[in-house]
PDB file of N, CA and C in Angstrom:
ATOM      1  N   UNK A   1     -13.253 -22.197  45.328  1.00  0.00           N
ATOM      2  CA  UNK A   1     -13.037 -21.453  46.548  1.00  0.00           C
ATOM      3  C   UNK A   1     -12.426 -20.096  46.192  1.00  0.00           C
ATOM      4  N   UNK A   2     -12.858 -19.085  46.856  1.00  0.00           N
ATOM      5  CA  UNK A   2     -12.347 -17.733  46.660  1.00  0.00           C
ATOM      6  C   UNK A   2     -11.201 -17.492  47.636  1.00  0.00           C
ATOM      7  N   UNK A   3     -10.071 -17.025  47.116  1.00  0.00           N
ATOM      8  CA  UNK A   3      -8.902 -16.769  47.963  1.00  0.00           C
ATOM      9  C   UNK A   3      -8.334 -15.394  47.663  1.00  0.00           C
ATOM     10  N   UNK A   4      -7.716 -14.821  48.684  1.00  0.00           N
ATOM     11  CA  UNK A   4      -6.992 -13.568  48.493  1.00  0.00           C
ATOM     12  C   UNK A   4      -5.649 -13.867  47.850  1.00  0.00           C
ATOM     13  N   UNK A   5      -5.233 -13.003  46.964  1.00  0.00           N
ATOM     14  CA  UNK A   5      -3.928 -13.164  46.314  1.00  0.00           C
ATOM     15  C   UNK A   5      -2.976 -12.024  46.689  1.00  0.00           C
ATOM     16  N   UNK A   6      -3.065 -11.631  47.938  1.00  0.00           N
ATOM     17  CA  UNK A   6      -2.261 -10.512  48.442  1.00  0.00           C
ATOM     18  C   UNK A   6      -0.769 -10.788  48.311  1.00  0.00           C
ATOM     19  N   UNK A   7      -0.339 -12.001  48.668  1.00  0.00           N
ATOM     20  CA  UNK A   7       1.087 -12.314  48.608  1.00  0.00           C
ATOM     21  C   UNK A   7       1.606 -12.214  47.180  1.00  0.00           C
ATOM     22  N   UNK A   8       0.806 -12.641  46.209  1.00  0.00           N
ATOM     23  CA  UNK A   8       1.195 -12.524  44.802  1.00  0.00           C
ATOM     24  C   UNK A   8       1.340 -11.062  44.390  1.00  0.00           C
ATOM     25  N   UNK A   9       0.373 -10.249  44.801  1.00  0.00           N
ATOM     26  CA  UNK A   9       0.406  -8.821  44.457  1.00  0.00           C
ATOM     27  C   UNK A   9       1.625  -8.142  45.082  1.00  0.00           C
ATOM     28  N   UNK A  10       1.890  -8.459  46.348  1.00  0.00           N
ATOM     29  CA  UNK A  10       3.068  -7.882  47.009  1.00  0.00           C
ATOM     30  C   UNK A  10       4.342  -8.285  46.278  1.00  0.00           C
ATOM     31  N   UNK A  11       4.420  -9.542  45.880  1.00  0.00           N
ATOM     32  CA  UNK A  11       5.595 -10.023  45.145  1.00  0.00           C
ATOM     33  C   UNK A  11       5.741  -9.283  43.812  1.00  0.00           C
ATOM     34  N   UNK A  12       4.633  -9.125  43.095  1.00  0.00           N
ATOM     35  CA  UNK A  12       4.651  -8.419  41.806  1.00  0.00           C
ATOM     36  C   UNK A  12       5.112  -6.979  41.971  1.00  0.00           C
ATOM     37  N   UNK A  13       4.742  -6.363  43.104  1.00  0.00           N
ATOM     38  CA  UNK A  13       5.071  -4.959  43.340  1.00  0.00           C
ATOM     39  C   UNK A  13       6.393  -4.767  44.077  1.00  0.00           C
ATOM     40  N   UNK A  14       7.022  -5.877  44.460  1.00  0.00           N
ATOM     41  CA  UNK A  14       8.301  -5.784  45.173  1.00  0.00           C
ATOM     42  C   UNK A  14       8.150  -5.247  46.579  1.00  0.00           C
ATOM     43  N   UNK A  15       7.017  -5.528  47.204  1.00  0.00           N
ATOM     44  CA  UNK A  15       6.749  -5.049  48.559  1.00  0.00           C
ATOM     45  C   UNK A  15       6.620  -6.243  49.499  1.00  0.00           C
ATOM     46  N   UNK A  16       6.696  -5.975  50.787  1.00  0.00           N
ATOM     47  CA  UNK A  16       6.671  -7.048  51.781  1.00  0.00           C
ATOM     48  C   UNK A  16       5.368  -7.067  52.569  1.00  0.00           C
ATOM     49  N   UNK A  17       5.117  -8.194  53.231  1.00  0.00           N
ATOM     50  CA  UNK A  17       3.960  -8.301  54.132  1.00  0.00           C
ATOM     51  C   UNK A  17       4.080  -7.265  55.245  1.00  0.00           C
ATOM     52  N   UNK A  18       5.294  -7.097  55.747  1.00  0.00           N
ATOM     53  CA  UNK A  18       5.519  -6.131  56.824  1.00  0.00           C
ATOM     54  C   UNK A  18       5.106  -4.731  56.382  1.00  0.00           C
ATOM     55  N   UNK A  19       5.493  -4.348  55.172  1.00  0.00           N
ATOM     56  CA  UNK A  19       5.140  -3.034  54.636  1.00  0.00           C
ATOM     57  C   UNK A  19       3.626  -2.858  54.610  1.00  0.00           C
ATOM     58  N   UNK A  20       2.906  -3.847  54.068  1.00  0.00           N
ATOM     59  CA  UNK A  20       1.451  -3.744  53.960  1.00  0.00           C
ATOM     60  C   UNK A  20       0.791  -3.751  55.326  1.00  0.00           C
ATOM     61  N   UNK A  21       1.285  -4.576  56.227  1.00  0.00           N
ATOM     62  CA  UNK A  21       0.724  -4.636  57.579  1.00  0.00           C
ATOM     63  C   UNK A  21       0.817  -3.266  58.252  1.00  0.00           C
ATOM     64  N   UNK A  22       1.948  -2.616  58.116  1.00  0.00           N
ATOM     65  CA  UNK A  22       2.124  -1.277  58.703  1.00  0.00           C
ATOM     66  C   UNK A  22       1.190  -0.261  58.037  1.00  0.00           C
ATOM     67  N   UNK A  23       1.085  -0.317  56.710  1.00  0.00           N
ATOM     68  CA  UNK A  23       0.190   0.605  55.995  1.00  0.00           C
ATOM     69  C   UNK A  23      -1.263   0.373  56.387  1.00  0.00           C
ATOM     70  N   UNK A  24      -1.639  -0.877  56.611  1.00  0.00           N
ATOM     71  CA  UNK A  24      -3.012  -1.238  56.967  1.00  0.00           C
ATOM     72  C   UNK A  24      -3.316  -0.914  58.429  1.00  0.00           C
ATOM     73  N   UNK A  25      -2.261  -0.720  59.229  1.00  0.00           N
ATOM     74  CA  UNK A  25      -2.404  -0.453  60.663  1.00  0.00           C
ATOM     75  C   UNK A  25      -3.207  -1.556  61.345  1.00  0.00           C
ATOM     76  N   UNK A  26      -2.826  -2.802  61.027  1.00  0.00           N
ATOM     77  CA  UNK A  26      -3.495  -3.969  61.588  1.00  0.00           C
ATOM     78  C   UNK A  26      -2.574  -4.676  62.572  1.00  0.00           C
ATOM     79  N   UNK A  27      -3.182  -5.443  63.481  1.00  0.00           N
ATOM     80  CA  UNK A  27      -2.401  -6.321  64.339  1.00  0.00           C
ATOM     81  C   UNK A  27      -1.837  -7.429  63.455  1.00  0.00           C
ATOM     82  N   UNK A  28      -0.581  -7.808  63.703  1.00  0.00           N
ATOM     83  CA  UNK A  28       0.083  -8.749  62.819  1.00  0.00           C
ATOM     84  C   UNK A  28      -0.630 -10.097  62.743  1.00  0.00           C
ATOM     85  N   UNK A  29      -1.131 -10.606  63.857  1.00  0.00           N
ATOM     86  CA  UNK A  29      -1.790 -11.919  63.852  1.00  0.00           C
ATOM     87  C   UNK A  29      -3.015 -11.897  62.938  1.00  0.00           C
ATOM     88  N   UNK A  30      -3.829 -10.880  63.038  1.00  0.00           N
ATOM     89  CA  UNK A  30      -5.009 -10.758  62.173  1.00  0.00           C
ATOM     90  C   UNK A  30      -4.598 -10.606  60.721  1.00  0.00           C
ATOM     91  N   UNK A  31      -3.594  -9.792  60.487  1.00  0.00           N
ATOM     92  CA  UNK A  31      -3.103  -9.568  59.127  1.00  0.00           C
ATOM     93  C   UNK A  31      -2.568 -10.862  58.526  1.00  0.00           C
ATOM     94  N   UNK A  32      -1.756 -11.598  59.289  1.00  0.00           N
ATOM     95  CA  UNK A  32      -1.166 -12.848  58.815  1.00  0.00           C
ATOM     96  C   UNK A  32      -2.247 -13.853  58.441  1.00  0.00           C
ATOM     97  N   UNK A  33      -3.259 -13.983  59.288  1.00  0.00           N
ATOM     98  CA  UNK A  33      -4.366 -14.901  58.990  1.00  0.00           C
ATOM     99  C   UNK A  33      -5.066 -14.500  57.694  1.00  0.00           C
ATOM    100  N   UNK A  34      -5.243 -13.217  57.494  1.00  0.00           N
ATOM    101  CA  UNK A  34      -5.934 -12.737  56.304  1.00  0.00           C
ATOM    102  C   UNK A  34      -5.130 -13.044  55.039  1.00  0.00           C
ATOM    103  N   UNK A  35      -3.851 -12.670  55.009  1.00  0.00           N
ATOM    104  CA  UNK A  35      -3.067 -12.851  53.788  1.00  0.00           C
ATOM    105  C   UNK A  35      -2.763 -14.312  53.505  1.00  0.00           C
ATOM    106  N   UNK A  36      -2.825 -15.163  54.523  1.00  0.00           N
ATOM    107  CA  UNK A  36      -2.595 -16.592  54.334  1.00  0.00           C
ATOM    108  C   UNK A  36      -3.908 -17.354  54.139  1.00  0.00           C
ATOM    109  N   UNK A  37      -4.987 -16.619  53.926  1.00  0.00           N
ATOM    110  CA  UNK A  37      -6.305 -17.211  53.681  1.00  0.00           C
ATOM    111  C   UNK A  37      -6.736 -18.144  54.801  1.00  0.00           C
ATOM    112  N   UNK A  38      -6.452 -17.748  56.017  1.00  0.00           N
ATOM    113  CA  UNK A  38      -6.815 -18.534  57.192  1.00  0.00           C
ATOM    114  C   UNK A  38      -7.888 -17.796  58.003  1.00  0.00           C
ATOM    115  N   UNK A  39      -8.832 -17.183  57.298  1.00  0.00           N
ATOM    116  CA  UNK A  39      -9.913 -16.454  57.948  1.00  0.00           C
ATOM    117  C   UNK A  39     -11.214 -16.745  57.210  1.00  0.00           C
ATOM    118  N   UNK A  40     -12.321 -16.540  57.893  1.00  0.00           N
ATOM    119  CA  UNK A  40     -13.618 -16.816  57.262  1.00  0.00           C
ATOM    120  C   UNK A  40     -14.352 -15.552  56.852  1.00  0.00           C
ATOM    121  N   UNK A  41     -13.847 -14.393  57.258  1.00  0.00           N
ATOM    122  CA  UNK A  41     -14.516 -13.151  56.877  1.00  0.00           C
ATOM    123  C   UNK A  41     -13.518 -11.993  56.856  1.00  0.00           C
ATOM    124  N   UNK A  42     -13.813 -11.040  55.986  1.00  0.00           N
ATOM    125  CA  UNK A  42     -13.019  -9.817  55.885  1.00  0.00           C
ATOM    126  C   UNK A  42     -13.991  -8.665  55.686  1.00  0.00           C
ATOM    127  N   UNK A  43     -13.777  -7.597  56.414  1.00  0.00           N
ATOM    128  CA  UNK A  43     -14.664  -6.438  56.309  1.00  0.00           C
ATOM    129  C   UNK A  43     -14.464  -5.728  54.974  1.00  0.00           C
ATOM    130  N   UNK A  44     -15.542  -5.173  54.445  1.00  0.00           N
ATOM    131  CA  UNK A  44     -15.481  -4.445  53.187  1.00  0.00           C
ATOM    132  C   UNK A  44     -14.525  -3.253  53.270  1.00  0.00           C
ATOM    133  N   UNK A  45     -14.533  -2.559  54.399  1.00  0.00           N
ATOM    134  CA  UNK A  45     -13.646  -1.401  54.518  1.00  0.00           C
ATOM    135  C   UNK A  45     -12.175  -1.826  54.521  1.00  0.00           C
ATOM    136  N   UNK A  46     -11.886  -3.018  55.018  1.00  0.00           N
ATOM    137  CA  UNK A  46     -10.520  -3.542  54.982  1.00  0.00           C
ATOM    138  C   UNK A  46     -10.104  -3.812  53.545  1.00  0.00           C
ATOM    139  N   UNK A  47     -10.984  -4.433  52.772  1.00  0.00           N
ATOM    140  CA  UNK A  47     -10.695  -4.698  51.360  1.00  0.00           C
ATOM    141  C   UNK A  47     -10.526  -3.401  50.581  1.00  0.00           C
ATOM    142  N   UNK A  48     -11.369  -2.437  50.862  1.00  0.00           N
ATOM    143  CA  UNK A  48     -11.283  -1.146  50.179  1.00  0.00           C
ATOM    144  C   UNK A  48      -9.958  -0.459  50.478  1.00  0.00           C
ATOM    145  N   UNK A  49      -9.583  -0.445  51.747  1.00  0.00           N
ATOM    146  CA  UNK A  49      -8.322   0.194  52.152  1.00  0.00           C
ATOM    147  C   UNK A  49      -7.127  -0.526  51.508  1.00  0.00           C
ATOM    148  N   UNK A  50      -7.174  -1.859  51.507  1.00  0.00           N
ATOM    149  CA  UNK A  50      -6.082  -2.638  50.932  1.00  0.00           C
ATOM    150  C   UNK A  50      -5.944  -2.379  49.431  1.00  0.00           C
ATOM    151  N   UNK A  51      -7.069  -2.316  48.726  1.00  0.00           N
ATOM    152  CA  UNK A  51      -7.003  -2.079  47.279  1.00  0.00           C
ATOM    153  C   UNK A  51      -6.429  -0.697  46.983  1.00  0.00           C
ATOM    154  N   UNK A  52      -6.748   0.281  47.814  1.00  0.00           N
ATOM    155  CA  UNK A  52      -6.208   1.626  47.622  1.00  0.00           C
ATOM    156  C   UNK A  52      -4.709   1.682  47.910  1.00  0.00           C
ATOM    157  N   UNK A  53      -4.287   1.026  48.974  1.00  0.00           N
ATOM    158  CA  UNK A  53      -2.864   1.012  49.324  1.00  0.00           C
ATOM    159  C   UNK A  53      -2.046   0.319  48.241  1.00  0.00           C
ATOM    160  N   UNK A  54      -2.577  -0.800  47.720  1.00  0.00           N
ATOM    161  CA  UNK A  54      -1.867  -1.556  46.687  1.00  0.00           C
ATOM    162  C   UNK A  54      -2.110  -0.999  45.286  1.00  0.00           C
ATOM    163  N   UNK A  55      -3.032  -0.052  45.183  1.00  0.00           N
ATOM    164  CA  UNK A  55      -3.363   0.580  43.907  1.00  0.00           C
ATOM    165  C   UNK A  55      -3.828  -0.445  42.859  1.00  0.00           C
ATOM    166  N   UNK A  56      -4.740  -1.324  43.298  1.00  0.00           N
ATOM    167  CA  UNK A  56      -5.349  -2.316  42.403  1.00  0.00           C
ATOM    168  C   UNK A  56      -6.857  -2.316  42.646  1.00  0.00           C
ATOM    169  N   UNK A  57      -7.650  -2.689  41.634  1.00  0.00           N
ATOM    170  CA  UNK A  57      -9.089  -2.818  41.864  1.00  0.00           C
ATOM    171  C   UNK A  57      -9.368  -3.924  42.885  1.00  0.00           C
ATOM    172  N   UNK A  58     -10.429  -3.779  43.640  1.00  0.00           N
ATOM    173  CA  UNK A  58     -10.776  -4.766  44.669  1.00  0.00           C
ATOM    174  C   UNK A  58     -10.840  -6.176  44.087  1.00  0.00           C
ATOM    175  N   UNK A  59     -11.386  -6.315  42.896  1.00  0.00           N
ATOM    176  CA  UNK A  59     -11.503  -7.633  42.270  1.00  0.00           C
ATOM    177  C   UNK A  59     -10.172  -8.314  42.039  1.00  0.00           C
ATOM    178  N   UNK A  60      -9.105  -7.528  41.876  1.00  0.00           N
ATOM    179  CA  UNK A  60      -7.774  -8.098  41.657  1.00  0.00           C
ATOM    180  C   UNK A  60      -7.190  -8.716  42.921  1.00  0.00           C
ATOM    181  N   UNK A  61      -7.810  -8.455  44.062  1.00  0.00           N
ATOM    182  CA  UNK A  61      -7.328  -9.024  45.318  1.00  0.00           C
ATOM    183  C   UNK A  61      -7.691 -10.498  45.449  1.00  0.00           C
ATOM    184  N   UNK A  62      -8.597 -10.979  44.588  1.00  0.00           N
ATOM    185  CA  UNK A  62      -9.116 -12.337  44.708  1.00  0.00           C
ATOM    186  C   UNK A  62      -8.759 -13.211  43.525  1.00  0.00           C
ATOM    187  N   UNK A  63      -8.767 -14.514  43.784  1.00  0.00           N
ATOM    188  CA  UNK A  63      -8.639 -15.523  42.739  1.00  0.00           C
ATOM    189  C   UNK A  63      -9.583 -16.657  43.096  1.00  0.00           C
ATOM    190  N   UNK A  64     -10.195 -17.227  42.088  1.00  0.00           N
ATOM    191  CA  UNK A  64     -11.096 -18.379  42.301  1.00  0.00           C
ATOM    192  C   UNK A  64     -10.304 -19.643  41.995  1.00  0.00           C
ATOM    193  N   UNK A  65     -10.327 -20.608  42.932  1.00  0.00           N
ATOM    194  CA  UNK A  65      -9.608 -21.867  42.743  1.00  0.00           C
ATOM    195  C   UNK A  65     -10.576 -23.030  42.810  1.00  0.00           C
ATOM    196  N   UNK A  66     -10.093 -24.196  42.419  1.00  0.00           N
ATOM    197  CA  UNK A  66     -10.903 -25.422  42.504  1.00  0.00           C
ATOM    198  C   UNK A  66     -10.786 -26.082  43.872  1.00  0.00           C
ATOM    199  N   UNK A  67      -9.944 -25.538  44.753  1.00  0.00           N
ATOM    200  CA  UNK A  67      -9.768 -26.097  46.094  1.00  0.00           C
ATOM    201  C   UNK A  67     -11.074 -26.032  46.872  1.00  0.00           C
ATOM    202  N   UNK A  68     -11.227 -26.986  47.769  1.00  0.00           N
ATOM    203  CA  UNK A  68     -12.427 -26.959  48.631  1.00  0.00           C
ATOM    204  C   UNK A  68     -12.045 -26.845  50.063  1.00  0.00           C
TER     205      UNK A  68
END
């Protein structure tokens, strides 16, 4: 299963979910679902914006797990 590792990246960078949510200019409920991997789709422009804000390649936003 493919999962976002946003919380890990924020922790590594010493930043908070609140900080990223404000930078992303997203509604908190949508943002929370996304970072907690409780969504079925994410727009490409959202991923692009997030990778730029966090200063990481888009591929670094994801991790592949054995979870189903």
